[in-house]
C-alpha atoms as a PDB file:
ATOM      1  CA  MET A   1     -22.447 -61.704   5.108  1.00  0.00           C
ATOM      2  CA  ARG A   2     -18.906 -60.184   6.303  1.00  0.00           C
ATOM      3  CA  SER A   3     -15.746 -61.500   5.530  1.00  0.00           C
ATOM      4  CA  PRO A   4     -13.623 -63.244   8.002  1.00  0.00           C
ATOM      5  CA  LEU A   5     -11.276 -59.922   8.109  1.00  0.00           C
ATOM      6  CA  HIS A   6     -13.951 -58.246   8.703  1.00  0.00           C
ATOM      7  CA  LEU A   7     -14.997 -60.137  12.073  1.00  0.00           C
ATOM      8  CA  ALA A   8     -11.369 -60.415  13.288  1.00  0.00           C
ATOM      9  CA  LEU A   9     -11.225 -56.584  12.860  1.00  0.00           C
ATOM     10  CA  ALA A  10     -14.450 -56.198  15.093  1.00  0.00           C
ATOM     11  CA  VAL A  11     -12.843 -58.890  17.912  1.00  0.00           C
ATOM     12  CA  VAL A  12     -10.117 -56.358  18.065  1.00  0.00           C
ATOM     13  CA  VAL A  13     -12.166 -52.990  18.033  1.00  0.00           C
ATOM     14  CA  CYS A  14     -14.863 -54.486  20.452  1.00  0.00           C
ATOM     15  CA  ALA A  15     -12.251 -56.265  22.659  1.00  0.00           C
ATOM     16  CA  GLY A  16     -10.501 -53.248  23.254  1.00  0.00           C
ATOM     17  CA  GLY A  17      -7.414 -54.789  23.022  1.00  0.00           C
ATOM     18  CA  VAL A  18      -4.255 -55.494  20.985  1.00  0.00           C
ATOM     19  CA  THR A  19      -1.482 -57.663  21.353  1.00  0.00           C
ATOM     20  CA  LEU A  20       1.360 -54.756  21.677  1.00  0.00           C
ATOM     21  CA  PRO A  21       4.938 -55.374  22.795  1.00  0.00           C
ATOM     22  CA  ALA A  22       6.497 -54.864  26.608  1.00  0.00           C
ATOM     23  CA  SER A  23       8.253 -51.814  25.377  1.00  0.00           C
ATOM     24  CA  ALA A  24       5.490 -50.179  23.412  1.00  0.00           C
ATOM     25  CA  GLN A  25       2.831 -50.681  26.530  1.00  0.00           C
ATOM     26  CA  ALA A  26       5.077 -47.889  28.550  1.00  0.00           C
ATOM     27  CA  GLU A  27       3.888 -45.141  25.690  1.00  0.00           C
ATOM     28  CA  ASP A  28       0.083 -46.876  26.079  1.00  0.00           C
ATOM     29  CA  PRO A  29      -0.543 -47.612  22.130  1.00  0.00           C
ATOM     30  CA  GLU A  30      -3.643 -49.339  23.065  1.00  0.00           C
ATOM     31  CA  GLN A  31      -5.212 -46.222  24.918  1.00  0.00           C
ATOM     32  CA  LEU A  32      -4.307 -44.601  21.471  1.00  0.00           C
ATOM     33  CA  TYR A  33      -6.081 -46.673  19.852  1.00  0.00           C
ATOM     34  CA  LYS A  34      -9.271 -46.135  21.544  1.00  0.00           C
ATOM     35  CA  GLU A  35      -9.266 -42.552  21.598  1.00  0.00           C
ATOM     36  CA  GLY A  36      -8.584 -42.590  17.892  1.00  0.00           C
ATOM     37  CA  GLN A  37     -11.675 -45.058  17.067  1.00  0.00           C
ATOM     38  CA  ALA A  38     -13.883 -43.088  19.860  1.00  0.00           C
ATOM     39  CA  ASP A  39     -12.490 -39.405  17.636  1.00  0.00           C
ATOM     40  CA  TYR A  40     -13.758 -41.690  14.335  1.00  0.00           C
ATOM     41  CA  ALA A  41     -16.670 -42.669  15.360  1.00  0.00           C
ATOM     42  CA  ASN A  42     -17.510 -38.938  15.982  1.00  0.00           C
ATOM     43  CA  GLY A  43     -16.356 -37.835  13.274  1.00  0.00           C
ATOM     44  CA  GLU A  44     -13.097 -36.438  14.164  1.00  0.00           C
ATOM     45  CA  PHE A  45     -11.262 -37.928  11.500  1.00  0.00           C
ATOM     46  CA  LYS A  46      -8.078 -35.728  11.480  1.00  0.00           C
ATOM     47  CA  SER A  47      -7.786 -36.407  15.105  1.00  0.00           C
ATOM     48  CA  ALA A  48      -8.623 -40.008  14.518  1.00  0.00           C
ATOM     49  CA  VAL A  49      -5.819 -40.170  11.923  1.00  0.00           C
ATOM     50  CA  THR A  50      -3.199 -38.882  13.778  1.00  0.00           C
ATOM     51  CA  LYS A  51      -3.814 -41.422  17.548  1.00  0.00           C
ATOM     52  CA  LEU A  52      -3.943 -43.825  15.620  1.00  0.00           C
ATOM     53  CA  ASN A  53      -0.899 -43.524  13.217  1.00  0.00           C
ATOM     54  CA  LYS A  54       0.667 -43.035  16.643  1.00  0.00           C
ATOM     55  CA  ALA A  55      -0.364 -45.941  17.961  1.00  0.00           C
ATOM     56  CA  TYR A  56       0.251 -48.148  14.735  1.00  0.00           C
ATOM     57  CA  ASP A  57       3.523 -46.980  15.156  1.00  0.00           C
ATOM     58  CA  LEU A  58       4.377 -47.487  18.757  1.00  0.00           C
ATOM     59  CA  SER A  59       2.534 -51.189  18.420  1.00  0.00           C
ATOM     60  CA  GLY A  60       3.242 -52.291  14.630  1.00  0.00           C
ATOM     61  CA  ASP A  61       0.129 -54.248  15.087  1.00  0.00           C
ATOM     62  CA  PRO A  62      -1.260 -54.513  11.046  1.00  0.00           C
ATOM     63  CA  LEU A  63      -4.632 -54.866  11.848  1.00  0.00           C
ATOM     64  CA  MET A  64      -4.295 -51.432  12.848  1.00  0.00           C
ATOM     65  CA  LEU A  65      -3.983 -50.676   9.204  1.00  0.00           C
ATOM     66  CA  TYR A  66      -7.341 -50.971   8.274  1.00  0.00           C
ATOM     67  CA  MET A  67      -8.659 -48.649  10.663  1.00  0.00           C
ATOM     68  CA  ILE A  68      -6.236 -46.103   9.244  1.00  0.00           C
ATOM     69  CA  GLY A  69      -7.299 -46.601   5.662  1.00  0.00           C
ATOM     70  CA  GLN A  70     -10.606 -45.832   6.574  1.00  0.00           C
ATOM     71  CA  ALA A  71     -10.410 -42.861   8.547  1.00  0.00           C
ATOM     72  CA  TYR A  72      -7.839 -41.454   5.738  1.00  0.00           C
ATOM     73  CA  ARG A  73     -10.609 -42.472   2.967  1.00  0.00           C
ATOM     74  CA  ASP A  74     -13.977 -40.896   5.499  1.00  0.00           C
ATOM     75  CA  TRP A  75     -11.633 -37.581   5.866  1.00  0.00           C
ATOM     76  CA  TYR A  76     -11.352 -37.274   2.575  1.00  0.00           C
ATOM     77  CA  GLY A  77     -15.298 -36.981   1.917  1.00  0.00           C
ATOM     78  CA  GLU A  78     -15.281 -34.028   4.739  1.00  0.00           C
ATOM     79  CA  SER A  79     -11.970 -32.573   3.577  1.00  0.00           C
ATOM     80  CA  ARG A  80     -11.683 -32.696  -0.309  1.00  0.00           C
ATOM     81  CA  ASP A  81      -8.193 -32.791   0.151  1.00  0.00           C
ATOM     82  CA  ILE A  82      -7.222 -35.660  -2.699  1.00  0.00           C
ATOM     83  CA  GLU A  83      -4.385 -36.601  -0.858  1.00  0.00           C
ATOM     84  CA  HIS A  84      -6.538 -37.942   1.894  1.00  0.00           C
ATOM     85  CA  LEU A  85      -7.215 -40.884  -0.817  1.00  0.00           C
ATOM     86  CA  ARG A  86      -3.836 -41.745  -1.482  1.00  0.00           C
ATOM     87  CA  GLU A  87      -2.840 -41.780   1.426  1.00  0.00           C
ATOM     88  CA  ALA A  88      -5.816 -44.423   2.547  1.00  0.00           C
ATOM     89  CA  LYS A  89      -4.641 -46.247  -0.402  1.00  0.00           C
ATOM     90  CA  ILE A  90      -1.209 -46.200   0.595  1.00  0.00           C
ATOM     91  CA  THR A  91      -2.498 -47.705   3.965  1.00  0.00           C
ATOM     92  CA  PHE A  92      -4.332 -50.373   2.744  1.00  0.00           C
ATOM     93  CA  GLU A  93      -1.970 -51.468   0.451  1.00  0.00           C
ATOM     94  CA  LYS A  94       0.242 -51.715   3.030  1.00  0.00           C
ATOM     95  CA  PHE A  95      -2.529 -54.072   4.711  1.00  0.00           C
ATOM     96  CA  ILE A  96      -2.619 -56.491   1.772  1.00  0.00           C
ATOM     97  CA  VAL A  97       1.204 -56.548   2.508  1.00  0.00           C
ATOM     98  CA  ALA A  98       1.138 -57.529   6.147  1.00  0.00           C
ATOM     99  CA  LEU A  99      -1.819 -60.178   5.110  1.00  0.00           C
ATOM    100  CA  GLN A 100       0.352 -61.497   2.803  1.00  0.00           C
ATOM    101  CA  ALA A 101       3.379 -62.394   4.865  1.00  0.00           C
ATOM    102  CA  ASP A 102       1.010 -63.501   7.387  1.00  0.00           C
ATOM    103  CA  PRO A 103      -2.551 -65.752   6.603  1.00  0.00           C
ATOM    104  CA  THR A 104      -3.440 -66.049   9.768  1.00  0.00           C
ATOM    105  CA  LEU A 105      -4.790 -62.362   9.757  1.00  0.00           C
ATOM    106  CA  GLY A 106      -6.575 -62.540   6.644  1.00  0.00           C
ATOM    107  CA  ASP A 107      -7.299 -62.644   3.081  1.00  0.00           C
ATOM    108  CA  PRO A 108      -5.657 -59.834   1.040  1.00  0.00           C
ATOM    109  CA  ALA A 109      -8.472 -60.336  -1.151  1.00  0.00           C
ATOM    110  CA  ASP A 110     -10.631 -58.658   0.839  1.00  0.00           C
ATOM    111  CA  ILE A 111      -8.880 -55.594   0.848  1.00  0.00           C
ATOM    112  CA  LYS A 112      -8.879 -55.196  -3.138  1.00  0.00           C
ATOM    113  CA  PRO A 113     -12.403 -54.137  -3.461  1.00  0.00           C
ATOM    114  CA  GLU A 114     -11.331 -50.818  -0.816  1.00  0.00           C
ATOM    115  CA  ILE A 115      -8.312 -49.936  -2.851  1.00  0.00           C
ATOM    116  CA  ASP A 116     -10.819 -50.178  -6.387  1.00  0.00           C
ATOM    117  CA  ALA A 117     -13.327 -47.779  -4.475  1.00  0.00           C
ATOM    118  CA  ILE A 118     -10.776 -45.025  -3.902  1.00  0.00           C
ATOM    119  CA  ASP A 119      -8.997 -46.003  -7.253  1.00  0.00           C
ATOM    120  CA  GLU A 120     -12.384 -44.778  -8.665  1.00  0.00           C
ATOM    121  CA  GLN A 121     -12.667 -41.637  -6.019  1.00  0.00           C
ATOM    122  CA  ILE A 122      -9.344 -40.824  -7.041  1.00  0.00           C
ATOM    123  CA  ALA A 123     -10.287 -40.623 -10.541  1.00  0.00           C
ATOM    124  CA  GLU A 124     -13.340 -39.002 -10.460  1.00  0.00           C
ATOM    125  CA  ALA A 125     -11.413 -36.531  -8.161  1.00  0.00           C
ATOM    126  CA  GLU A 126      -8.871 -35.746 -10.842  1.00  0.00           C
ATOM    127  CA  LYS A 127     -11.046 -35.172 -13.118  1.00  0.00           C
ATOM    128  CA  ALA A 128     -12.813 -32.937 -11.314  1.00  0.00           C
ATOM    129  CA  GLN A 129      -9.749 -30.698 -10.788  1.00  0.00           C
ATOM    130  CA  GLU A 130      -8.998 -30.819 -14.329  1.00  0.00           C
ATOM    131  CA  ALA A 131     -12.372 -29.391 -15.147  1.00  0.00           C
ATOM    132  CA  GLU A 132     -12.509 -26.592 -13.196  1.00  0.00           C
ATOM    133  CA  PRO A 133     -11.061 -23.221 -14.886  1.00  0.00           C
ATOM    134  CA  GLU A 134      -7.840 -21.959 -14.299  1.00  0.00           C
ATOM    135  CA  PRO A 135      -7.796 -18.575 -12.670  1.00  0.00           C
ATOM    136  CA  GLU A 136      -7.533 -15.566 -14.258  1.00  0.00           C
ATOM    137  CA  PRO A 137      -4.335 -13.810 -14.197  1.00  0.00           C
ATOM    138  CA  GLU A 138      -4.102 -10.713 -11.219  1.00  0.00           C
ATOM    139  CA  PRO A 139      -4.227  -7.653 -13.667  1.00  0.00           C
ATOM    140  CA  GLU A 140      -0.397  -6.089 -13.112  1.00  0.00           C
ATOM    141  CA  PRO A 141      -0.504  -4.013  -9.960  1.00  0.00           C
ATOM    142  CA  GLU A 142      -0.749  -0.332 -11.057  1.00  0.00           C
ATOM    143  CA  PRO A 143       2.998   1.340 -10.000  1.00  0.00           C
ATOM    144  CA  ALA A 144       2.831   3.190  -6.921  1.00  0.00           C
ATOM    145  CA  SER A 145       2.387   7.082  -8.496  1.00  0.00           C
ATOM    146  CA  GLU A 146       4.889   9.167  -8.165  1.00  0.00           C
ATOM    147  CA  PRO A 147       3.740  13.118  -7.500  1.00  0.00           C
ATOM    148  CA  ASP A 148       3.951  15.231 -10.179  1.00  0.00           C
ATOM    149  CA  PRO A 149       7.393  16.595 -10.003  1.00  0.00           C
ATOM    150  CA  GLY A 150       6.062  19.949 -11.168  1.00  0.00           C
ATOM    151  CA  LYS A 151       3.729  20.664  -9.030  1.00  0.00           C
ATOM    152  CA  PRO A 152       5.941  22.536  -6.222  1.00  0.00           C
ATOM    153  CA  LEU A 153       7.543  24.464  -8.632  1.00  0.00           C
ATOM    154  CA  LYS A 154       4.292  26.192 -10.122  1.00  0.00           C
ATOM    155  CA  ILE A 155       3.136  26.195  -6.352  1.00  0.00           C
ATOM    156  CA  THR A 156       6.458  28.087  -5.714  1.00  0.00           C
ATOM    157  CA  GLY A 157       6.561  30.013  -8.730  1.00  0.00           C
ATOM    158  CA  GLY A 158       2.243  31.126  -8.248  1.00  0.00           C
ATOM    159  CA  VAL A 159       3.374  32.189  -4.382  1.00  0.00           C
ATOM    160  CA  LEU A 160       6.228  34.350  -5.987  1.00  0.00           C
ATOM    161  CA  LEU A 161       4.500  35.892  -8.673  1.00  0.00           C
ATOM    162  CA  GLY A 162       0.970  36.778  -7.359  1.00  0.00           C
ATOM    163  CA  THR A 163       3.650  38.529  -4.349  1.00  0.00           C
ATOM    164  CA  GLY A 164       5.605  39.748  -6.680  1.00  0.00           C
ATOM    165  CA  GLY A 165       2.665  41.663  -8.875  1.00  0.00           C
ATOM    166  CA  ALA A 166       1.179  42.907  -5.566  1.00  0.00           C
ATOM    167  CA  ALA A 167       4.609  44.439  -4.335  1.00  0.00           C
ATOM    168  CA  PHE A 168       5.021  45.686  -7.400  1.00  0.00           C
ATOM    169  CA  LEU A 169       1.607  47.662  -7.668  1.00  0.00           C
ATOM    170  CA  ALA A 170       2.338  48.706  -4.074  1.00  0.00           C
ATOM    171  CA  GLY A 171       5.596  50.470  -4.443  1.00  0.00           C
ATOM    172  CA  ALA A 172       4.766  51.775  -7.922  1.00  0.00           C
ATOM    173  CA  ALA A 173       1.791  53.797  -6.374  1.00  0.00           C
ATOM    174  CA  VAL A 174       4.098  55.167  -3.420  1.00  0.00           C
ATOM    175  CA  GLY A 175       6.535  55.696  -5.712  1.00  0.00           C
ATOM    176  CA  ILE A 176       4.496  57.513  -8.226  1.00  0.00           C
ATOM    177  CA  ALA A 177       2.716  59.842  -5.026  1.00  0.00           C
ATOM    178  CA  PHE A 178       5.545  60.808  -3.311  1.00  0.00           C
ATOM    179  CA  GLY A 179       7.370  61.474  -6.684  1.00  0.00           C
ATOM    180  CA  VAL A 180       4.407  63.820  -7.651  1.00  0.00           C
ATOM    181  CA  LYS A 181       4.801  65.311  -4.291  1.00  0.00           C
ATOM    182  CA  GLY A 182       8.258  66.388  -4.565  1.00  0.00           C
ATOM    183  CA  LEU A 183       8.003  67.741  -7.827  1.00  0.00           C
ATOM    184  CA  ASN A 184       4.911  69.953  -5.955  1.00  0.00           C
ATOM    185  CA  LEU A 185       7.770  70.842  -2.865  1.00  0.00           C
ATOM    186  CA  SER A 186      10.184  71.706  -5.347  1.00  0.00           C
ATOM    187  CA  ASP A 187       8.222  74.365  -6.783  1.00  0.00           C
ATOM    188  CA  ASP A 188       7.097  75.534  -3.487  1.00  0.00           C
ATOM    189  CA  ILE A 189      10.635  76.202  -2.618  1.00  0.00           C
ATOM    190  CA  ASP A 190      11.527  77.928  -5.549  1.00  0.00           C
ATOM    191  CA  GLY A 191       8.703  80.146  -4.983  1.00  0.00           C
ATOM    192  CA  LEU A 192       9.501  80.831  -1.101  1.00  0.00           C
ATOM    193  CA  ARG A 193      13.088  81.330  -1.692  1.00  0.00           C
ATOM    194  CA  THR A 194      11.687  83.845  -4.427  1.00  0.00           C
ATOM    195  CA  GLN A 195       9.900  85.520  -2.112  1.00  0.00           C
ATOM    196  CA  PHE A 196      12.891  85.860   0.434  1.00  0.00           C
ATOM    197  CA  ALA A 197      14.701  87.287  -2.100  1.00  0.00           C
ATOM    198  CA  ASP A 198      12.699  90.032  -2.698  1.00  0.00           C
ATOM    199  CA  ALA A 199      11.858  91.112   0.963  1.00  0.00           C
ATOM    200  CA  GLY A 200      15.600  91.694   1.016  1.00  0.00           C
ATOM    201  CA  CYS A 201      16.411  89.262   3.494  1.00  0.00           C
ATOM    202  CA  ASP A 202      19.939  87.772   4.004  1.00  0.00           C
ATOM    203  CA  PRO A 203      20.165  83.863   4.086  1.00  0.00           C
ATOM    204  CA  ASP A 204      22.942  84.155   6.343  1.00  0.00           C
ATOM    205  CA  ASN A 205      21.267  86.347   9.072  1.00  0.00           C
ATOM    206  CA  PRO A 206      18.101  86.833   8.325  1.00  0.00           C
ATOM    207  CA  ALA A 207      16.314  89.928   9.887  1.00  0.00           C
ATOM    208  CA  ALA A 208      13.063  89.656  12.486  1.00  0.00           C
ATOM    209  CA  GLY A 209       9.302  89.855  10.958  1.00  0.00           C
ATOM    210  CA  GLU A 210       8.800  88.159   7.463  1.00  0.00           C
ATOM    211  CA  CYS A 211      12.244  86.826   6.992  1.00  0.00           C
ATOM    212  CA  THR A 212      12.625  84.633   9.490  1.00  0.00           C
ATOM    213  CA  THR A 213       9.063  82.845   8.862  1.00  0.00           C
ATOM    214  CA  LEU A 214      10.155  83.047   5.099  1.00  0.00           C
ATOM    215  CA  GLN A 215      13.407  80.813   6.179  1.00  0.00           C
ATOM    216  CA  GLY A 216      11.395  78.501   8.175  1.00  0.00           C
ATOM    217  CA  ASP A 217       8.550  77.819   5.871  1.00  0.00           C
ATOM    218  CA  ILE A 218      12.046  77.271   3.120  1.00  0.00           C
ATOM    219  CA  ASN A 219      13.394  74.725   5.417  1.00  0.00           C
ATOM    220  CA  GLN A 220      10.327  72.978   6.700  1.00  0.00           C
ATOM    221  CA  THR A 221       9.672  72.841   3.247  1.00  0.00           C
ATOM    222  CA  VAL A 222      12.832  71.369   2.205  1.00  0.00           C
ATOM    223  CA  LYS A 223      12.922  68.911   4.473  1.00  0.00           C
ATOM    224  CA  ASP A 224       9.670  67.460   3.630  1.00  0.00           C
ATOM    225  CA  GLY A 225      10.871  67.509  -0.252  1.00  0.00           C
ATOM    226  CA  ASP A 226      13.816  65.530   1.553  1.00  0.00           C
ATOM    227  CA  LYS A 227      11.240  63.047   2.913  1.00  0.00           C
ATOM    228  CA  ALA A 228       9.229  62.830  -0.425  1.00  0.00           C
ATOM    229  CA  ASN A 229      11.761  61.838  -2.438  1.00  0.00           C
ATOM    230  CA  LEU A 230      13.016  59.143   0.120  1.00  0.00           C
ATOM    231  CA  MET A 231       9.994  57.678  -0.059  1.00  0.00           C
ATOM    232  CA  THR A 232       9.552  57.892  -3.999  1.00  0.00           C
ATOM    233  CA  GLY A 233      13.044  55.784  -3.997  1.00  0.00           C
ATOM    234  CA  VAL A 234      11.427  53.472  -1.658  1.00  0.00           C
ATOM    235  CA  GLY A 235       8.523  52.955  -3.086  1.00  0.00           C
ATOM    236  CA  TRP A 236      10.049  52.411  -6.651  1.00  0.00           C
ATOM    237  CA  GLY A 237      12.631  49.660  -4.653  1.00  0.00           C
ATOM    238  CA  ILE A 238       9.353  48.137  -3.750  1.00  0.00           C
ATOM    239  CA  ALA A 239       8.322  48.441  -7.200  1.00  0.00           C
ATOM    240  CA  GLY A 240      11.713  46.772  -8.521  1.00  0.00           C
ATOM    241  CA  LEU A 241      11.642  43.705  -5.986  1.00  0.00           C
ATOM    242  CA  GLY A 242       7.976  42.963  -7.016  1.00  0.00           C
ATOM    243  CA  ALA A 243       8.853  42.742 -10.584  1.00  0.00           C
ATOM    244  CA  VAL A 244      11.683  40.316 -10.051  1.00  0.00           C
ATOM    245  CA  LEU A 245       9.764  38.202  -7.520  1.00  0.00           C
ATOM    246  CA  ALA A 246       7.089  37.821 -10.181  1.00  0.00           C
ATOM    247  CA  VAL A 247       9.445  37.025 -13.048  1.00  0.00           C
ATOM    248  CA  THR A 248      11.152  34.419 -10.953  1.00  0.00           C
ATOM    249  CA  GLY A 249       7.663  33.230 -10.257  1.00  0.00           C
ATOM    250  CA  GLY A 250       7.245  32.950 -13.788  1.00  0.00           C
ATOM    251  CA  VAL A 251      10.132  31.313 -14.769  1.00  0.00           C
ATOM    252  CA  LEU A 252       9.348  28.864 -12.122  1.00  0.00           C
ATOM    253  CA  MET A 253       5.916  28.296 -13.113  1.00  0.00           C
ATOM    254  CA  ALA A 254       6.803  27.678 -16.896  1.00  0.00           C
ATOM    255  CA  LYS A 255       9.332  25.422 -15.462  1.00  0.00           C
ATOM    256  CA  GLY A 256       7.198  23.078 -13.898  1.00  0.00           C
ATOM    257  CA  MET A 257       4.238  22.764 -16.187  1.00  0.00           C
ATOM    258  CA  ARG A 258       7.061  21.686 -18.314  1.00  0.00           C
ATOM    259  CA  LYS A 259       7.758  18.762 -16.004  1.00  0.00           C
ATOM    260  CA  SER A 260       4.172  18.282 -15.441  1.00  0.00           C
ATOM    261  CA  ASP A 261       3.460  18.147 -18.828  1.00  0.00           C
ATOM    262  CA  VAL A 262       6.087  15.507 -19.169  1.00  0.00           C
ATOM    263  CA  TRP A 263       5.522  13.238 -16.255  1.00  0.00           C
ATOM    264  CA  ARG A 264       1.455  13.209 -17.523  1.00  0.00           C
ATOM    265  CA  ALA A 265       2.959  12.207 -20.893  1.00  0.00           C
ATOM    266  CA  GLU A 266       5.051   8.853 -18.973  1.00  0.00           C
ATOM    267  CA  HIS A 267       2.563   7.986 -17.212  1.00  0.00           C
ATOM    268  CA  ALA A 268      -0.813   8.344 -20.347  1.00  0.00           C
ATOM    269  CA  ARG A 269       0.671   4.756 -21.743  1.00  0.00           C
ATOM    270  CA  LEU A 270      -1.609   1.509 -22.364  1.00  0.00           C
ATOM    271  CA  ARG A 271      -0.992  -1.307 -20.299  1.00  0.00           C
ATOM    272  CA  ILE A 272      -2.312  -4.511 -22.068  1.00  0.00           C
ATOM    273  CA  SER A 273      -2.069  -7.905 -19.781  1.00  0.00           C
ATOM    274  CA  PRO A 274      -3.730 -11.379 -21.119  1.00  0.00           C
ATOM    275  CA  THR A 275      -7.001 -12.277 -19.011  1.00  0.00           C
ATOM    276  CA  PHE A 276      -8.664 -15.369 -19.140  1.00  0.00           C
ATOM    277  CA  GLY A 277     -11.646 -14.025 -21.474  1.00  0.00           C
ATOM    278  CA  GLY A 278      -8.941 -11.982 -23.658  1.00  0.00           C
ATOM    279  CA  LEU A 279      -7.097  -8.935 -23.098  1.00  0.00           C
ATOM    280  CA  MET A 280      -7.215  -6.714 -20.438  1.00  0.00           C
ATOM    281  CA  ILE A 281      -5.868  -2.714 -21.751  1.00  0.00           C
ATOM    282  CA  SER A 282      -5.587  -0.498 -18.411  1.00  0.00           C
ATOM    283  CA  GLY A 283      -3.152   2.797 -17.481  1.00  0.00           C
ATOM    284  CA  ARG A 284      -4.229   6.586 -17.695  1.00  0.00           C
ATOM    285  CA  PHE A 285      -6.668   8.175 -19.839  1.00  0.00           C
END
C-alpha cells in the first residue's frame, strides 16, 4: 500500500501542474518539470536532473525534491558515480526538512527508508572502492637519449684518415716515379754533354750538323728533367699533406672514441623504481 506522501506526489505528477509563484511562471518551471519527468521516464537521468533542479530553483516547490532525489539515485545505477548517491541523500534530507516545516505535505517517516537505502548503497560503493587495488605507479620515463658526442668526431676523423691515407699513397707514388725519372734524365744530360764536348762543339756557337743536334737533345733533356723534378716535389707535397690529414684524422678518432666511452658509461647506469609487485630495474645494459 502506498503512503499518503506517494499519493500526493502522484497527484502532482499526473495533474501535470505545480503551484508556482507568479514571478516564476514567466520562466516556465512547470514546463521544465514536465520535460524532466519525461527524461526520467526515458532513462535520460542526467538531463532529468538538470531540468528538475532548474524547475525547483525557479519554483521552490518542495514536492519536486522527491523526484530529484529519485533521479539522482537512478543516475547512479547508470554512472556508478558515488557522488550521485550523495546528491540523492542530500536532496531527500532537504525534502524531510520541508515536510517537517509543513506537515500537510506528507510524513517525513515515509522518506527515511529512502535515505537508509541510499546509506547502504554508499557504504557498499565505498567498500568496493577500498577493495580495488591501487594502480601500479608508472615507471619513470626514460630520459631523452642524448646523441653520442663522440660520433661526429669519429666520422670526421675517419674521413680525414681515409682521405689522408689515399693522398699519401698517391703522392708518394708520383714522387717516387718522377724522382727516378729525374735521376735517369740527369744521367742522360751528363752523357749528352760528354758527347758534345768530345765532338769539339762550342756551347756558345755550336756548328751545324752533329753539334746542333746534340745541343737540341741537351736542351730538351734539361727541360724534361726540370719537369720531373717539379712533379717529384708536387708528389711528395701531396704525400706530406696526406700524412697531415691522416694524423689529424687519427687524433680526432681517438678523441671521439674517448668521448663515446664516457657517454656510454654515463648511460649504462641502472634505474630502480617500486611497483605494485616489487621493484623494477630499468636502464641500458
